[in-house]
mmCIF file of all heavy atoms, coordinates in Angstrom:
data_MODEL
# 
_entry.id   MODEL 
# 
loop_
_atom_site.group_PDB 
_atom_site.id 
_atom_site.type_symbol 
_atom_site.label_atom_id 
_atom_site.label_alt_id 
_atom_site.label_comp_id 
_atom_site.label_asym_id 
_atom_site.label_entity_id 
_atom_site.label_seq_id 
_atom_site.pdbx_PDB_ins_code 
_atom_site.Cartn_x 
_atom_site.Cartn_y 
_atom_site.Cartn_z 
_atom_site.occupancy 
_atom_site.B_iso_or_equiv 
_atom_site.pdbx_formal_charge 
_atom_site.auth_seq_id 
_atom_site.auth_comp_id 
_atom_site.auth_asym_id 
_atom_site.auth_atom_id 
_atom_site.pdbx_PDB_model_num 
ATOM 1   N N   . ALA A 1 1  ? -165.451 8.681  -72.266 1.00 0.00 ? 1  ALA A N   1 
ATOM 2   C CA  . ALA A 1 1  ? -166.357 7.819  -71.487 1.00 0.00 ? 1  ALA A CA  1 
ATOM 3   C C   . ALA A 1 1  ? -166.299 8.152  -69.993 1.00 0.00 ? 1  ALA A C   1 
ATOM 4   O O   . ALA A 1 1  ? -167.317 8.059  -69.277 1.00 0.00 ? 1  ALA A O   1 
ATOM 5   C CB  . ALA A 1 1  ? -166.004 6.367  -71.725 1.00 0.00 ? 1  ALA A CB  1 
ATOM 6   N N   . LEU A 1 2  ? -165.110 8.536  -69.513 1.00 0.00 ? 2  LEU A N   1 
ATOM 7   C CA  . LEU A 1 2  ? -164.955 8.918  -68.094 1.00 0.00 ? 2  LEU A CA  1 
ATOM 8   C C   . LEU A 1 2  ? -165.464 10.294 -67.788 1.00 0.00 ? 2  LEU A C   1 
ATOM 9   O O   . LEU A 1 2  ? -165.685 10.647 -66.652 1.00 0.00 ? 2  LEU A O   1 
ATOM 10  C CB  . LEU A 1 2  ? -163.478 8.790  -67.686 1.00 0.00 ? 2  LEU A CB  1 
ATOM 11  C CG  . LEU A 1 2  ? -162.863 7.405  -67.496 1.00 0.00 ? 2  LEU A CG  1 
ATOM 12  C CD1 . LEU A 1 2  ? -161.346 7.515  -67.322 1.00 0.00 ? 2  LEU A CD1 1 
ATOM 13  C CD2 . LEU A 1 2  ? -163.495 6.717  -66.286 1.00 0.00 ? 2  LEU A CD2 1 
ATOM 14  N N   . GLY A 1 3  ? -165.596 11.120 -68.831 1.00 0.00 ? 3  GLY A N   1 
ATOM 15  C CA  . GLY A 1 3  ? -165.906 12.549 -68.637 1.00 0.00 ? 3  GLY A CA  1 
ATOM 16  C C   . GLY A 1 3  ? -164.778 13.313 -68.120 1.00 0.00 ? 3  GLY A C   1 
ATOM 17  O O   . GLY A 1 3  ? -164.950 14.272 -67.342 1.00 0.00 ? 3  GLY A O   1 
ATOM 18  N N   . CYS A 1 4  ? -163.536 12.952 -68.526 1.00 0.00 ? 4  CYS A N   1 
ATOM 19  C CA  . CYS A 1 4  ? -162.320 13.618 -68.034 1.00 0.00 ? 4  CYS A CA  1 
ATOM 20  C C   . CYS A 1 4  ? -161.614 14.358 -69.177 1.00 0.00 ? 4  CYS A C   1 
ATOM 21  O O   . CYS A 1 4  ? -161.813 14.019 -70.344 1.00 0.00 ? 4  CYS A O   1 
ATOM 22  C CB  . CYS A 1 4  ? -161.373 12.588 -67.448 1.00 0.00 ? 4  CYS A CB  1 
ATOM 23  S SG  . CYS A 1 4  ? -161.987 11.769 -65.951 1.00 0.00 ? 4  CYS A SG  1 
ATOM 24  N N   . ASP A 1 5  ? -160.808 15.331 -68.819 1.00 0.00 ? 5  ASP A N   1 
ATOM 25  C CA  . ASP A 1 5  ? -160.069 16.100 -69.809 1.00 0.00 ? 5  ASP A CA  1 
ATOM 26  C C   . ASP A 1 5  ? -158.644 15.588 -70.007 1.00 0.00 ? 5  ASP A C   1 
ATOM 27  O O   . ASP A 1 5  ? -157.925 16.050 -70.864 1.00 0.00 ? 5  ASP A O   1 
ATOM 28  C CB  . ASP A 1 5  ? -160.081 17.581 -69.573 1.00 0.00 ? 5  ASP A CB  1 
ATOM 29  C CG  . ASP A 1 5  ? -159.374 17.938 -68.224 1.00 0.00 ? 5  ASP A CG  1 
ATOM 30  O OD1 . ASP A 1 5  ? -158.666 17.035 -67.669 1.00 0.00 ? 5  ASP A OD1 1 
ATOM 31  O OD2 . ASP A 1 5  ? -159.536 19.079 -67.770 1.00 0.00 ? 5  ASP A OD2 1 
ATOM 32  N N   . GLY A 1 6  ? -158.231 14.628 -69.196 1.00 0.00 ? 6  GLY A N   1 
ATOM 33  C CA  . GLY A 1 6  ? -156.906 14.013 -69.313 1.00 0.00 ? 6  GLY A CA  1 
ATOM 34  C C   . GLY A 1 6  ? -155.826 14.697 -68.464 1.00 0.00 ? 6  GLY A C   1 
ATOM 35  O O   . GLY A 1 6  ? -154.699 14.191 -68.376 1.00 0.00 ? 6  GLY A O   1 
ATOM 36  N N   . GLU A 1 7  ? -156.169 15.799 -67.811 1.00 0.00 ? 7  GLU A N   1 
ATOM 37  C CA  . GLU A 1 7  ? -155.188 16.482 -66.964 1.00 0.00 ? 7  GLU A CA  1 
ATOM 38  C C   . GLU A 1 7  ? -155.244 16.042 -65.516 1.00 0.00 ? 7  GLU A C   1 
ATOM 39  O O   . GLU A 1 7  ? -154.429 16.467 -64.705 1.00 0.00 ? 7  GLU A O   1 
ATOM 40  C CB  . GLU A 1 7  ? -155.390 17.979 -67.062 1.00 0.00 ? 7  GLU A CB  1 
ATOM 41  C CG  . GLU A 1 7  ? -155.148 18.561 -68.451 1.00 0.00 ? 7  GLU A CG  1 
ATOM 42  C CD  . GLU A 1 7  ? -153.778 18.199 -69.016 1.00 0.00 ? 7  GLU A CD  1 
ATOM 43  O OE1 . GLU A 1 7  ? -152.805 18.384 -68.259 1.00 0.00 ? 7  GLU A OE1 1 
ATOM 44  O OE2 . GLU A 1 7  ? -153.705 17.699 -70.127 1.00 0.00 ? 7  GLU A OE2 1 
ATOM 45  N N   . GLU A 1 8  ? -156.212 15.202 -65.175 1.00 0.00 ? 8  GLU A N   1 
ATOM 46  C CA  . GLU A 1 8  ? -156.363 14.745 -63.821 1.00 0.00 ? 8  GLU A CA  1 
ATOM 47  C C   . GLU A 1 8  ? -155.122 13.959 -63.391 1.00 0.00 ? 8  GLU A C   1 
ATOM 48  O O   . GLU A 1 8  ? -154.655 13.079 -64.084 1.00 0.00 ? 8  GLU A O   1 
ATOM 49  C CB  . GLU A 1 8  ? -157.612 13.851 -63.664 1.00 0.00 ? 8  GLU A CB  1 
ATOM 50  C CG  . GLU A 1 8  ? -158.935 14.575 -63.942 1.00 0.00 ? 8  GLU A CG  1 
ATOM 51  C CD  . GLU A 1 8  ? -159.274 14.659 -65.431 1.00 0.00 ? 8  GLU A CD  1 
ATOM 52  O OE1 . GLU A 1 8  ? -158.399 14.246 -66.253 1.00 0.00 ? 8  GLU A OE1 1 
ATOM 53  O OE2 . GLU A 1 8  ? -160.375 15.163 -65.763 1.00 0.00 ? 8  GLU A OE2 1 
ATOM 54  N N   . ALA A 1 9  ? -154.650 14.222 -62.160 1.00 0.00 ? 9  ALA A N   1 
ATOM 55  C CA  . ALA A 1 9  ? -153.481 13.522 -61.645 1.00 0.00 ? 9  ALA A CA  1 
ATOM 56  C C   . ALA A 1 9  ? -153.934 12.153 -61.146 1.00 0.00 ? 9  ALA A C   1 
ATOM 57  O O   . ALA A 1 9  ? -154.868 12.044 -60.362 1.00 0.00 ? 9  ALA A O   1 
ATOM 58  C CB  . ALA A 1 9  ? -152.830 14.316 -60.544 1.00 0.00 ? 9  ALA A CB  1 
ATOM 59  N N   . VAL A 1 10 ? -153.195 11.125 -61.567 1.00 0.00 ? 10 VAL A N   1 
ATOM 60  C CA  . VAL A 1 10 ? -153.533 9.740  -61.151 1.00 0.00 ? 10 VAL A CA  1 
ATOM 61  C C   . VAL A 1 10 ? -152.260 9.006  -60.779 1.00 0.00 ? 10 VAL A C   1 
ATOM 62  O O   . VAL A 1 10 ? -151.159 9.332  -61.262 1.00 0.00 ? 10 VAL A O   1 
ATOM 63  C CB  . VAL A 1 10 ? -154.280 8.964  -62.224 1.00 0.00 ? 10 VAL A CB  1 
ATOM 64  C CG1 . VAL A 1 10 ? -155.637 9.623  -62.552 1.00 0.00 ? 10 VAL A CG1 1 
ATOM 65  C CG2 . VAL A 1 10 ? -153.426 8.890  -63.509 1.00 0.00 ? 10 VAL A CG2 1 
ATOM 66  N N   . PRO A 1 11 ? -152.372 7.996  -59.900 1.00 0.00 ? 11 PRO A N   1 
ATOM 67  C CA  . PRO A 1 11 ? -151.194 7.200  -59.557 1.00 0.00 ? 11 PRO A CA  1 
ATOM 68  C C   . PRO A 1 11 ? -150.827 6.225  -60.702 1.00 0.00 ? 11 PRO A C   1 
ATOM 69  O O   . PRO A 1 11 ? -151.713 5.708  -61.386 1.00 0.00 ? 11 PRO A O   1 
ATOM 70  C CB  . PRO A 1 11 ? -151.669 6.398  -58.326 1.00 0.00 ? 11 PRO A CB  1 
ATOM 71  C CG  . PRO A 1 11 ? -153.149 6.273  -58.481 1.00 0.00 ? 11 PRO A CG  1 
ATOM 72  C CD  . PRO A 1 11 ? -153.582 7.559  -59.176 1.00 0.00 ? 11 PRO A CD  1 
ATOM 73  N N   . THR A 1 12 ? -149.537 6.007  -60.883 1.00 0.00 ? 12 THR A N   1 
ATOM 74  C CA  . THR A 1 12 ? -149.055 5.053  -61.868 1.00 0.00 ? 12 THR A CA  1 
ATOM 75  C C   . THR A 1 12 ? -147.833 4.367  -61.256 1.00 0.00 ? 12 THR A C   1 
ATOM 76  O O   . THR A 1 12 ? -147.260 4.860  -60.268 1.00 0.00 ? 12 THR A O   1 
ATOM 77  C CB  . THR A 1 12 ? -148.626 5.722  -63.190 1.00 0.00 ? 12 THR A CB  1 
ATOM 78  O OG1 . THR A 1 12 ? -147.336 6.332  -63.040 1.00 0.00 ? 12 THR A OG1 1 
ATOM 79  C CG2 . THR A 1 12 ? -149.654 6.753  -63.644 1.00 0.00 ? 12 THR A CG2 1 
ATOM 80  N N   . PRO A 1 13 ? -147.344 3.280  -61.879 1.00 0.00 ? 13 PRO A N   1 
ATOM 81  C CA  . PRO A 1 13 ? -146.133 2.633  -61.414 1.00 0.00 ? 13 PRO A CA  1 
ATOM 82  C C   . PRO A 1 13 ? -144.910 3.566  -61.467 1.00 0.00 ? 13 PRO A C   1 
ATOM 83  O O   . PRO A 1 13 ? -143.944 3.358  -60.786 1.00 0.00 ? 13 PRO A O   1 
ATOM 84  C CB  . PRO A 1 13 ? -145.954 1.456  -62.352 1.00 0.00 ? 13 PRO A CB  1 
ATOM 85  C CG  . PRO A 1 13 ? -147.328 1.130  -62.869 1.00 0.00 ? 13 PRO A CG  1 
ATOM 86  C CD  . PRO A 1 13 ? -148.012 2.483  -62.939 1.00 0.00 ? 13 PRO A CD  1 
ATOM 87  N N   . ALA A 1 14 ? -145.000 4.602  -62.330 1.00 0.00 ? 14 ALA A N   1 
ATOM 88  C CA  . ALA A 1 14 ? -143.894 5.551  -62.463 1.00 0.00 ? 14 ALA A CA  1 
ATOM 89  C C   . ALA A 1 14 ? -144.102 6.816  -61.608 1.00 0.00 ? 14 ALA A C   1 
ATOM 90  O O   . ALA A 1 14 ? -143.342 7.771  -61.757 1.00 0.00 ? 14 ALA A O   1 
ATOM 91  C CB  . ALA A 1 14 ? -143.746 5.963  -63.935 1.00 0.00 ? 14 ALA A CB  1 
ATOM 92  N N   . GLY A 1 15 ? -145.089 6.785  -60.739 1.00 0.00 ? 15 GLY A N   1 
ATOM 93  C CA  . GLY A 1 15 ? -145.389 7.959  -59.896 1.00 0.00 ? 15 GLY A CA  1 
ATOM 94  C C   . GLY A 1 15 ? -146.650 8.659  -60.444 1.00 0.00 ? 15 GLY A C   1 
ATOM 95  O O   . GLY A 1 15 ? -147.280 8.236  -61.375 1.00 0.00 ? 15 GLY A O   1 
ATOM 96  N N   . GLU A 1 16 ? -146.999 9.761  -59.836 1.00 0.00 ? 16 GLU A N   1 
ATOM 97  C CA  . GLU A 1 16 ? -148.193 10.490 -60.260 1.00 0.00 ? 16 GLU A CA  1 
ATOM 98  C C   . GLU A 1 16 ? -148.037 11.151 -61.644 1.00 0.00 ? 16 GLU A C   1 
ATOM 99  O O   . GLU A 1 16 ? -147.025 11.844 -61.851 1.00 0.00 ? 16 GLU A O   1 
ATOM 100 C CB  . GLU A 1 16 ? -148.560 11.529 -59.202 1.00 0.00 ? 16 GLU A CB  1 
ATOM 101 C CG  . GLU A 1 16 ? -149.957 12.092 -59.363 1.00 0.00 ? 16 GLU A CG  1 
ATOM 102 C CD  . GLU A 1 16 ? -150.323 13.007 -58.194 1.00 0.00 ? 16 GLU A CD  1 
ATOM 103 O OE1 . GLU A 1 16 ? -149.981 14.212 -58.271 1.00 0.00 ? 16 GLU A OE1 1 
ATOM 104 O OE2 . GLU A 1 16 ? -150.990 12.523 -57.245 1.00 0.00 ? 16 GLU A OE2 1 
ATOM 105 N N   . LEU A 1 17 ? -148.994 10.953 -62.499 1.00 0.00 ? 17 LEU A N   1 
ATOM 106 C CA  . LEU A 1 17 ? -148.939 11.508 -63.871 1.00 0.00 ? 17 LEU A CA  1 
ATOM 107 C C   . LEU A 1 17 ? -150.332 12.027 -64.261 1.00 0.00 ? 17 LEU A C   1 
ATOM 108 O O   . LEU A 1 17 ? -151.340 11.593 -63.700 1.00 0.00 ? 17 LEU A O   1 
ATOM 109 C CB  . LEU A 1 17 ? -148.496 10.448 -64.867 1.00 0.00 ? 17 LEU A CB  1 
ATOM 110 C CG  . LEU A 1 17 ? -147.046 9.958  -64.782 1.00 0.00 ? 17 LEU A CG  1 
ATOM 111 C CD1 . LEU A 1 17 ? -146.850 8.813  -65.758 1.00 0.00 ? 17 LEU A CD1 1 
ATOM 112 C CD2 . LEU A 1 17 ? -146.073 11.069 -65.067 1.00 0.00 ? 17 LEU A CD2 1 
ATOM 113 N N   . PRO A 1 18 ? -150.399 12.902 -65.277 1.00 0.00 ? 18 PRO A N   1 
ATOM 114 C CA  . PRO A 1 18 ? -151.705 13.261 -65.813 1.00 0.00 ? 18 PRO A CA  1 
ATOM 115 C C   . PRO A 1 18 ? -152.380 12.025 -66.435 1.00 0.00 ? 18 PRO A C   1 
ATOM 116 O O   . PRO A 1 18 ? -151.720 11.153 -67.005 1.00 0.00 ? 18 PRO A O   1 
ATOM 117 C CB  . PRO A 1 18 ? -151.339 14.299 -66.931 1.00 0.00 ? 18 PRO A CB  1 
ATOM 118 C CG  . PRO A 1 18 ? -150.012 14.807 -66.528 1.00 0.00 ? 18 PRO A CG  1 
ATOM 119 C CD  . PRO A 1 18 ? -149.272 13.660 -65.874 1.00 0.00 ? 18 PRO A CD  1 
ATOM 120 N N   . LEU A 1 19 ? -153.685 11.977 -66.345 1.00 0.00 ? 19 LEU A N   1 
ATOM 121 C CA  . LEU A 1 19 ? -154.422 10.825 -66.788 1.00 0.00 ? 19 LEU A CA  1 
ATOM 122 C C   . LEU A 1 19 ? -154.144 10.434 -68.227 1.00 0.00 ? 19 LEU A C   1 
ATOM 123 O O   . LEU A 1 19 ? -153.960 9.246  -68.563 1.00 0.00 ? 19 LEU A O   1 
ATOM 124 C CB  . LEU A 1 19 ? -155.924 11.075 -66.579 1.00 0.00 ? 19 LEU A CB  1 
ATOM 125 C CG  . LEU A 1 19 ? -156.852 9.932  -67.016 1.00 0.00 ? 19 LEU A CG  1 
ATOM 126 C CD1 . LEU A 1 19 ? -156.560 8.644  -66.281 1.00 0.00 ? 19 LEU A CD1 1 
ATOM 127 C CD2 . LEU A 1 19 ? -158.315 10.376 -66.794 1.00 0.00 ? 19 LEU A CD2 1 
ATOM 128 N N   . ARG A 1 20 ? -154.132 11.445 -69.137 1.00 0.00 ? 20 ARG A N   1 
ATOM 129 C CA  . ARG A 1 20 ? -153.889 11.146 -70.557 1.00 0.00 ? 20 ARG A CA  1 
ATOM 130 C C   . ARG A 1 20 ? -152.556 10.434 -70.730 1.00 0.00 ? 20 ARG A C   1 
ATOM 131 O O   . ARG A 1 20 ? -152.481 9.394  -71.454 1.00 0.00 ? 20 ARG A O   1 
ATOM 132 C CB  . ARG A 1 20 ? -153.936 12.417 -71.386 1.00 0.00 ? 20 ARG A CB  1 
ATOM 133 C CG  . ARG A 1 20 ? -153.840 12.168 -72.923 1.00 0.00 ? 20 ARG A CG  1 
ATOM 134 C CD  . ARG A 1 20 ? -153.789 13.460 -73.699 1.00 0.00 ? 20 ARG A CD  1 
ATOM 135 N NE  . ARG A 1 20 ? -154.967 14.279 -73.455 1.00 0.00 ? 20 ARG A NE  1 
ATOM 136 C CZ  . ARG A 1 20 ? -156.122 14.145 -74.110 1.00 0.00 ? 20 ARG A CZ  1 
ATOM 137 N NH1 . ARG A 1 20 ? -156.260 13.207 -75.044 1.00 0.00 ? 20 ARG A NH1 1 
ATOM 138 N NH2 . ARG A 1 20 ? -157.151 14.901 -73.834 1.00 0.00 ? 20 ARG A NH2 1 
ATOM 139 N N   . ARG A 1 21 ? -151.511 10.906 -70.132 1.00 0.00 ? 21 ARG A N   1 
ATOM 140 C CA  . ARG A 1 21 ? -150.186 10.277 -70.271 1.00 0.00 ? 21 ARG A CA  1 
ATOM 141 C C   . ARG A 1 21 ? -150.195 8.893  -69.651 1.00 0.00 ? 21 ARG A C   1 
ATOM 142 O O   . ARG A 1 21 ? -149.600 7.930  -70.150 1.00 0.00 ? 21 ARG A O   1 
ATOM 143 C CB  . ARG A 1 21 ? -149.109 11.143 -69.679 1.00 0.00 ? 21 ARG A CB  1 
ATOM 144 C CG  . ARG A 1 21 ? -147.707 10.576 -69.836 1.00 0.00 ? 21 ARG A CG  1 
ATOM 145 C CD  . ARG A 1 21 ? -146.626 11.458 -69.253 1.00 0.00 ? 21 ARG A CD  1 
ATOM 146 N NE  . ARG A 1 21 ? -145.368 10.759 -69.262 1.00 0.00 ? 21 ARG A NE  1 
ATOM 147 C CZ  . ARG A 1 21 ? -144.301 11.212 -68.625 1.00 0.00 ? 21 ARG A CZ  1 
ATOM 148 N NH1 . ARG A 1 21 ? -144.331 12.366 -67.989 1.00 0.00 ? 21 ARG A NH1 1 
ATOM 149 N NH2 . ARG A 1 21 ? -143.168 10.490 -68.665 1.00 0.00 ? 21 ARG A NH2 1 
ATOM 150 N N   . ALA A 1 22 ? -150.863 8.767  -68.495 1.00 0.00 ? 22 ALA A N   1 
ATOM 151 C CA  . ALA A 1 22 ? -150.937 7.467  -67.832 1.00 0.00 ? 22 ALA A CA  1 
ATOM 152 C C   . ALA A 1 22 ? -151.612 6.408  -68.695 1.00 0.00 ? 22 ALA A C   1 
ATOM 153 O O   . ALA A 1 22 ? -151.125 5.286  -68.818 1.00 0.00 ? 22 ALA A O   1 
ATOM 154 C CB  . ALA A 1 22 ? -151.699 7.604  -66.495 1.00 0.00 ? 22 ALA A CB  1 
ATOM 155 N N   . LEU A 1 23 ? -152.718 6.831  -69.325 1.00 0.00 ? 23 LEU A N   1 
ATOM 156 C CA  . LEU A 1 23 ? -153.426 5.902  -70.250 1.00 0.00 ? 23 LEU A CA  1 
ATOM 157 C C   . LEU A 1 23 ? -152.646 5.591  -71.470 1.00 0.00 ? 23 LEU A C   1 
ATOM 158 O O   . LEU A 1 23 ? -152.745 4.506  -72.057 1.00 0.00 ? 23 LEU A O   1 
ATOM 159 C CB  . LEU A 1 23 ? -154.802 6.431  -70.601 1.00 0.00 ? 23 LEU A CB  1 
ATOM 160 C CG  . LEU A 1 23 ? -155.787 6.615  -69.464 1.00 0.00 ? 23 LEU A CG  1 
ATOM 161 C CD1 . LEU A 1 23 ? -157.072 7.239  -69.952 1.00 0.00 ? 23 LEU A CD1 1 
ATOM 162 C CD2 . LEU A 1 23 ? -156.090 5.277  -68.781 1.00 0.00 ? 23 LEU A CD2 1 
ATOM 163 N N   . THR A 1 24 ? -151.785 6.487  -71.938 1.00 0.00 ? 24 THR A N   1 
ATOM 164 C CA  . THR A 1 24 ? -151.008 6.280  -73.122 1.00 0.00 ? 24 THR A CA  1 
ATOM 165 C C   . THR A 1 24 ? -149.801 5.402  -72.858 1.00 0.00 ? 24 THR A C   1 
ATOM 166 O O   . THR A 1 24 ? -149.517 4.484  -73.658 1.00 0.00 ? 24 THR A O   1 
ATOM 167 C CB  . THR A 1 24 ? -150.505 7.666  -73.681 1.00 0.00 ? 24 THR A CB  1 
ATOM 168 O OG1 . THR A 1 24 ? -151.648 8.469  -73.966 1.00 0.00 ? 24 THR A OG1 1 
ATOM 169 C CG2 . THR A 1 24 ? -149.693 7.484  -74.927 1.00 0.00 ? 24 THR A CG2 1 
# 
């Protein structure tokens, strides 16, 4: 839905992570 491949770096409470892992 976002048009992303999941490798995009995003902020999380645990620090910057790939989007797929962050969403998981």
